[in-house]
């Protein structure tokens, strides 16, 4: 290797080292990296050590005293100009090793990933996981979700088909005695009766209430051998 190549290589190495150097403002503390949101500097007795958060986490730099070492989910951290991140490391259901991610097939399911291990969560009936707010919302308010998917294919009656229904109507679930649908402006939302009760179709079209199973033909044995009286005493 000629001397010119050595000079160029040394200069390149000098730039790389310079980019990763850090002078500790105090003997002890935790300081954000200037361009990487998932990296930070740990100062111990005035010596700086570059640290990297877990894949999918970012360094929380909100402590003005720089005494807190905290890596949090990316969506919880305001990165600002610290735009660089380590490349994603993915596992089944996890886009990164850490984070909360939507299911690819079912919009009412999401996954909480910790070190690449995914825990499955499902929204309550009629709700879907919203990718932006990261909470369960009404399915019709989640753009990525088709309401028919959450409603299991149930379609609300056409306007005028249900008489005396008022502003909304209630409809029994075709398979589950405890569940029912509320139709509002043509959109079906799935609900569930309190534990210990089932949905009973009302006398008028589009009506119904949650009643004791013994009062609903075909649903008497919905809870099997469960002691419903004991459940009600416990507040369920």
Protein backbone atom coordinates (compact mmCIF):
# COMPACT_ATOMS: atom_id res chain seq x y z
CA UNK A 1 0.00 0.00 0.00
CA UNK A 2 1.52 3.35 -0.99
CA UNK A 3 1.88 6.32 1.35
CA UNK A 4 -0.95 8.25 -0.27
CA UNK A 5 -3.41 5.39 0.39
CA UNK A 6 -2.22 5.22 3.98
CA UNK A 7 -2.88 8.94 4.44
CA UNK A 8 -6.38 8.63 2.98
CA UNK A 9 -7.13 5.61 5.17
CA UNK A 10 -5.81 7.36 8.27
CA UNK A 11 -7.91 10.43 7.49
CA UNK A 12 -11.02 8.28 7.08
CA UNK A 13 -10.32 6.52 10.36
CA UNK A 14 -9.74 9.87 12.01
CA UNK A 15 -13.18 11.09 10.87
CA UNK A 16 -14.83 7.90 12.13
CA UNK A 17 -13.13 8.14 15.50
CA UNK A 18 -13.93 11.83 15.73
CA UNK A 19 -17.59 11.18 15.10
CA UNK A 20 -17.74 8.70 18.00
CA UNK A 21 -15.71 10.76 20.49
CA UNK A 22 -17.43 12.48 23.40
CA UNK A 23 -16.17 14.67 26.20
CA UNK A 24 -18.08 14.15 29.42
CA UNK A 25 -19.54 17.42 30.80
CA UNK A 26 -19.52 15.88 34.29
CA UNK A 27 -17.92 12.87 35.91
CA UNK A 28 -21.16 10.90 35.92
CA UNK A 29 -24.22 11.04 33.69
CA UNK A 30 -26.08 9.76 30.63
CA UNK A 31 -26.10 11.91 27.50
CA UNK A 32 -27.88 11.54 24.13
CA UNK A 33 -25.92 10.80 21.00
CA UNK A 34 -25.95 13.79 18.65
CA UNK A 35 -27.37 11.93 15.62
CA UNK A 36 -28.54 8.49 16.79
CA UNK A 37 -31.76 8.21 18.76
CA UNK A 38 -31.01 4.72 20.02
CA UNK A 39 -27.48 5.49 21.22
CA UNK A 40 -26.22 7.44 24.20
CA UNK A 41 -23.09 8.14 26.20
CA UNK A 42 -22.52 6.83 29.70
CA UNK A 43 -20.01 8.85 31.68
CA UNK A 44 -18.35 7.13 34.62
CA UNK A 45 -15.61 9.00 36.47
CA UNK A 46 -15.23 11.23 33.44
CA UNK A 47 -14.78 8.36 30.99
CA UNK A 48 -17.33 8.15 28.16
CA UNK A 49 -18.72 4.82 26.94
CA UNK A 50 -21.00 4.59 23.90
CA UNK A 51 -24.12 2.52 24.67
CA UNK A 52 -26.88 1.26 22.37
CA UNK A 53 -30.49 0.66 23.39
CA UNK A 54 -32.23 -2.60 22.52
CA UNK A 55 -33.44 -2.86 18.93
CA UNK A 56 -36.72 -0.93 18.85
CA UNK A 57 -35.93 1.22 21.87
CA UNK A 58 -34.59 4.78 21.98
CA UNK A 59 -32.78 6.84 24.57
CA UNK A 60 -35.07 9.11 26.56
CA UNK A 61 -33.19 12.38 26.92
CA UNK A 62 -35.82 14.31 28.88
CA UNK A 63 -33.85 14.36 32.14
CA UNK A 64 -32.31 17.83 32.21
CA UNK A 65 -29.81 16.68 34.85
CA UNK A 66 -28.67 13.73 32.72
CA UNK A 67 -28.82 11.32 35.63
CA UNK A 68 -31.39 8.88 34.20
CA UNK A 69 -30.44 5.91 32.03
CA UNK A 70 -33.68 5.06 30.26
CA UNK A 71 -34.35 3.34 26.94
CA UNK A 72 -38.05 3.45 26.03
CA UNK A 73 -40.21 2.34 23.11
CA UNK A 74 -39.48 4.38 19.99
CA UNK A 75 -42.99 5.82 19.86
CA UNK A 76 -42.57 7.19 23.40
CA UNK A 77 -39.36 9.09 22.65
CA UNK A 78 -39.08 12.47 20.96
CA UNK A 79 -35.96 11.98 18.85
CA UNK A 80 -35.87 15.44 17.28
CA UNK A 81 -32.74 15.75 15.15
CA UNK A 82 -31.44 12.39 16.37
CA UNK A 83 -32.76 10.64 13.30
CA UNK A 84 -30.44 7.66 12.89
CA UNK A 85 -31.41 4.20 14.16
CA UNK A 86 -29.85 0.77 14.13
CA UNK A 87 -31.22 -1.51 11.35
CA UNK A 88 -34.34 -3.47 12.37
CA UNK A 89 -33.91 -6.97 13.77
CA UNK A 90 -37.17 -8.82 13.23
CA UNK A 91 -38.71 -12.00 14.63
CA UNK A 92 -42.18 -13.51 14.02
CA UNK A 93 -44.79 -10.75 14.67
CA UNK A 94 -42.03 -8.31 15.72
CA UNK A 95 -40.75 -5.68 13.29
CA UNK A 96 -38.03 -4.94 15.86
CA UNK A 97 -36.99 -6.82 18.99
CA UNK A 98 -38.83 -4.31 21.19
CA UNK A 99 -42.10 -2.52 20.46
CA UNK A 100 -45.84 -2.83 19.96
CA UNK A 101 -46.86 -3.92 16.47
CA UNK A 102 -50.16 -4.60 14.67
CA UNK A 103 -51.02 -8.07 13.45
CA UNK A 104 -50.64 -8.42 9.70
CA UNK A 105 -53.89 -10.34 9.22
CA UNK A 106 -56.33 -9.34 11.98
CA UNK A 107 -56.87 -5.67 12.73
CA UNK A 108 -58.16 -6.31 16.26
CA UNK A 109 -54.94 -8.09 17.26
CA UNK A 110 -51.59 -6.57 18.22
CA UNK A 111 -48.29 -7.86 19.58
CA UNK A 112 -46.12 -6.62 22.42
CA UNK A 113 -42.53 -7.58 21.66
CA UNK A 114 -39.82 -7.79 24.29
CA UNK A 115 -36.39 -8.99 23.24
CA UNK A 116 -37.95 -10.59 20.18
CA UNK A 117 -40.59 -12.57 22.08
CA UNK A 118 -44.13 -11.64 21.00
CA UNK A 119 -47.13 -11.59 23.34
CA UNK A 120 -50.52 -11.57 21.62
CA UNK A 121 -53.27 -9.14 22.65
CA UNK A 122 -56.76 -8.75 21.24
CA UNK A 123 -59.01 -5.71 21.45
CA UNK A 124 -62.47 -5.99 22.99
CA UNK A 125 -65.36 -6.91 20.66
CA UNK A 126 -66.06 -4.19 18.09
CA UNK A 127 -62.67 -2.52 18.55
CA UNK A 128 -59.55 -2.57 16.40
CA UNK A 129 -55.92 -1.66 17.02
CA UNK A 130 -55.01 1.80 15.74
CA UNK A 131 -51.41 1.97 14.53
CA UNK A 132 -51.05 5.71 15.06
CA UNK A 133 -52.40 6.12 18.59
CA UNK A 134 -51.48 2.53 19.60
CA UNK A 135 -54.76 1.96 21.40
CA UNK A 136 -57.92 -0.02 20.64
CA UNK A 137 -60.60 2.11 18.96
CA UNK A 138 -63.93 1.50 17.27
CA UNK A 139 -63.21 -0.52 14.14
CA UNK A 140 -64.86 1.99 11.83
CA UNK A 141 -62.43 4.66 13.10
CA UNK A 142 -59.34 2.64 12.15
CA UNK A 143 -58.45 3.27 8.47
CA UNK A 144 -56.58 -0.01 7.97
CA UNK A 145 -59.46 -2.09 9.29
CA UNK A 146 -62.43 -3.34 7.35
CA UNK A 147 -65.47 -3.21 9.59
CA UNK A 148 -66.72 -6.50 8.15
CA UNK A 149 -63.63 -8.24 9.52
CA UNK A 150 -64.27 -7.22 13.11
CA UNK A 151 -68.00 -7.82 12.68
CA UNK A 152 -67.28 -11.34 11.37
CA UNK A 153 -69.09 -10.65 8.12
CA UNK A 154 -72.23 -9.24 9.74
CA UNK A 155 -73.90 -6.50 7.72
CA UNK A 156 -76.35 -3.99 9.11
CA UNK A 157 -79.87 -3.98 7.66
CA UNK A 158 -80.50 -1.50 4.89
CA UNK A 159 -82.24 1.76 5.86
CA UNK A 160 -85.94 1.13 6.34
CA UNK A 161 -85.62 -2.62 6.86
CA UNK A 162 -85.85 -2.29 10.64
CA UNK A 163 -88.96 -0.60 11.95
CA UNK A 164 -89.08 1.38 15.19
CA UNK A 165 -85.34 0.98 15.71
CA UNK A 166 -84.67 4.63 16.48
CA UNK A 167 -81.17 5.99 15.86
CA UNK A 168 -79.58 2.55 16.27
CA UNK A 169 -80.54 -1.10 16.31
CA UNK A 170 -79.36 -4.20 18.17
CA UNK A 171 -78.89 -7.61 16.56
CA UNK A 172 -77.95 -11.01 17.94
CA UNK A 173 -74.61 -12.59 17.07
CA UNK A 174 -75.21 -15.62 14.83
CA UNK A 175 -72.99 -17.95 16.89
CA UNK A 176 -72.24 -16.48 20.33
CA UNK A 177 -75.13 -15.97 22.77
CA UNK A 178 -73.25 -13.35 24.77
CA UNK A 179 -72.35 -11.13 21.83
CA UNK A 180 -74.51 -8.78 19.80
CA UNK A 181 -74.17 -6.00 17.25
CA UNK A 182 -75.23 -2.39 17.42
CA UNK A 183 -75.84 -0.77 14.05
CA UNK A 184 -75.38 2.98 13.90
CA UNK A 185 -75.56 4.75 10.54
CA UNK A 186 -75.03 1.45 8.77
CA UNK A 187 -71.87 0.56 10.72
CA UNK A 188 -71.85 -2.59 12.86
CA UNK A 189 -70.10 -2.54 16.21
CA UNK A 190 -69.72 -5.74 18.19
CA UNK A 191 -70.57 -5.68 21.89
CA UNK A 192 -70.63 -8.28 24.64
CA UNK A 193 -73.10 -8.71 27.49
CA UNK A 194 -71.74 -8.69 31.06
CA UNK A 195 -70.44 -12.04 32.26
CA UNK A 196 -73.32 -14.15 33.49
CA UNK A 197 -75.80 -12.82 30.95
CA UNK A 198 -76.60 -13.38 27.28
CA UNK A 199 -78.28 -11.33 24.59
CA UNK A 200 -82.03 -11.71 24.24
CA UNK A 201 -83.75 -10.51 21.07
CA UNK A 202 -86.49 -8.01 21.83
CA UNK A 203 -90.09 -8.12 20.69
CA UNK A 204 -89.59 -5.26 18.24
CA UNK A 205 -87.21 -5.38 15.28
CA UNK A 206 -83.68 -4.25 16.08
CA UNK A 207 -84.08 -4.39 19.86
CA UNK A 208 -82.77 -6.60 22.63
CA UNK A 209 -81.22 -6.69 26.08
CA UNK A 210 -78.81 -8.70 28.18
CA UNK A 211 -80.70 -11.22 30.33
CA UNK A 212 -80.08 -14.31 32.44
CA UNK A 213 -79.37 -17.39 30.27
CA UNK A 214 -82.36 -19.32 31.60
CA UNK A 215 -84.62 -16.65 30.14
CA UNK A 216 -83.19 -16.94 26.62
CA UNK A 217 -84.25 -20.00 24.59
CA UNK A 218 -81.26 -21.81 23.13
CA UNK A 219 -78.75 -20.11 25.44
CA UNK A 220 -79.67 -21.77 28.73
CA UNK A 221 -76.42 -23.76 28.89
CA UNK A 222 -74.11 -21.05 27.54
CA UNK A 223 -72.03 -20.90 30.74
CA UNK A 224 -72.11 -24.64 31.40
CA UNK A 225 -71.39 -25.53 35.04
CA UNK A 226 -70.20 -22.06 36.03
CA UNK A 227 -71.83 -20.80 39.25
CA UNK A 228 -73.34 -17.56 37.94
CA UNK A 229 -74.68 -16.50 41.33
CA UNK A 230 -71.18 -16.71 42.79
CA UNK A 231 -69.81 -14.65 39.89
CA UNK A 232 -72.39 -11.93 40.45
CA UNK A 233 -71.56 -11.79 44.16
CA UNK A 234 -67.93 -11.22 43.21
CA UNK A 235 -68.97 -8.29 41.03
CA UNK A 236 -68.49 -9.87 37.60
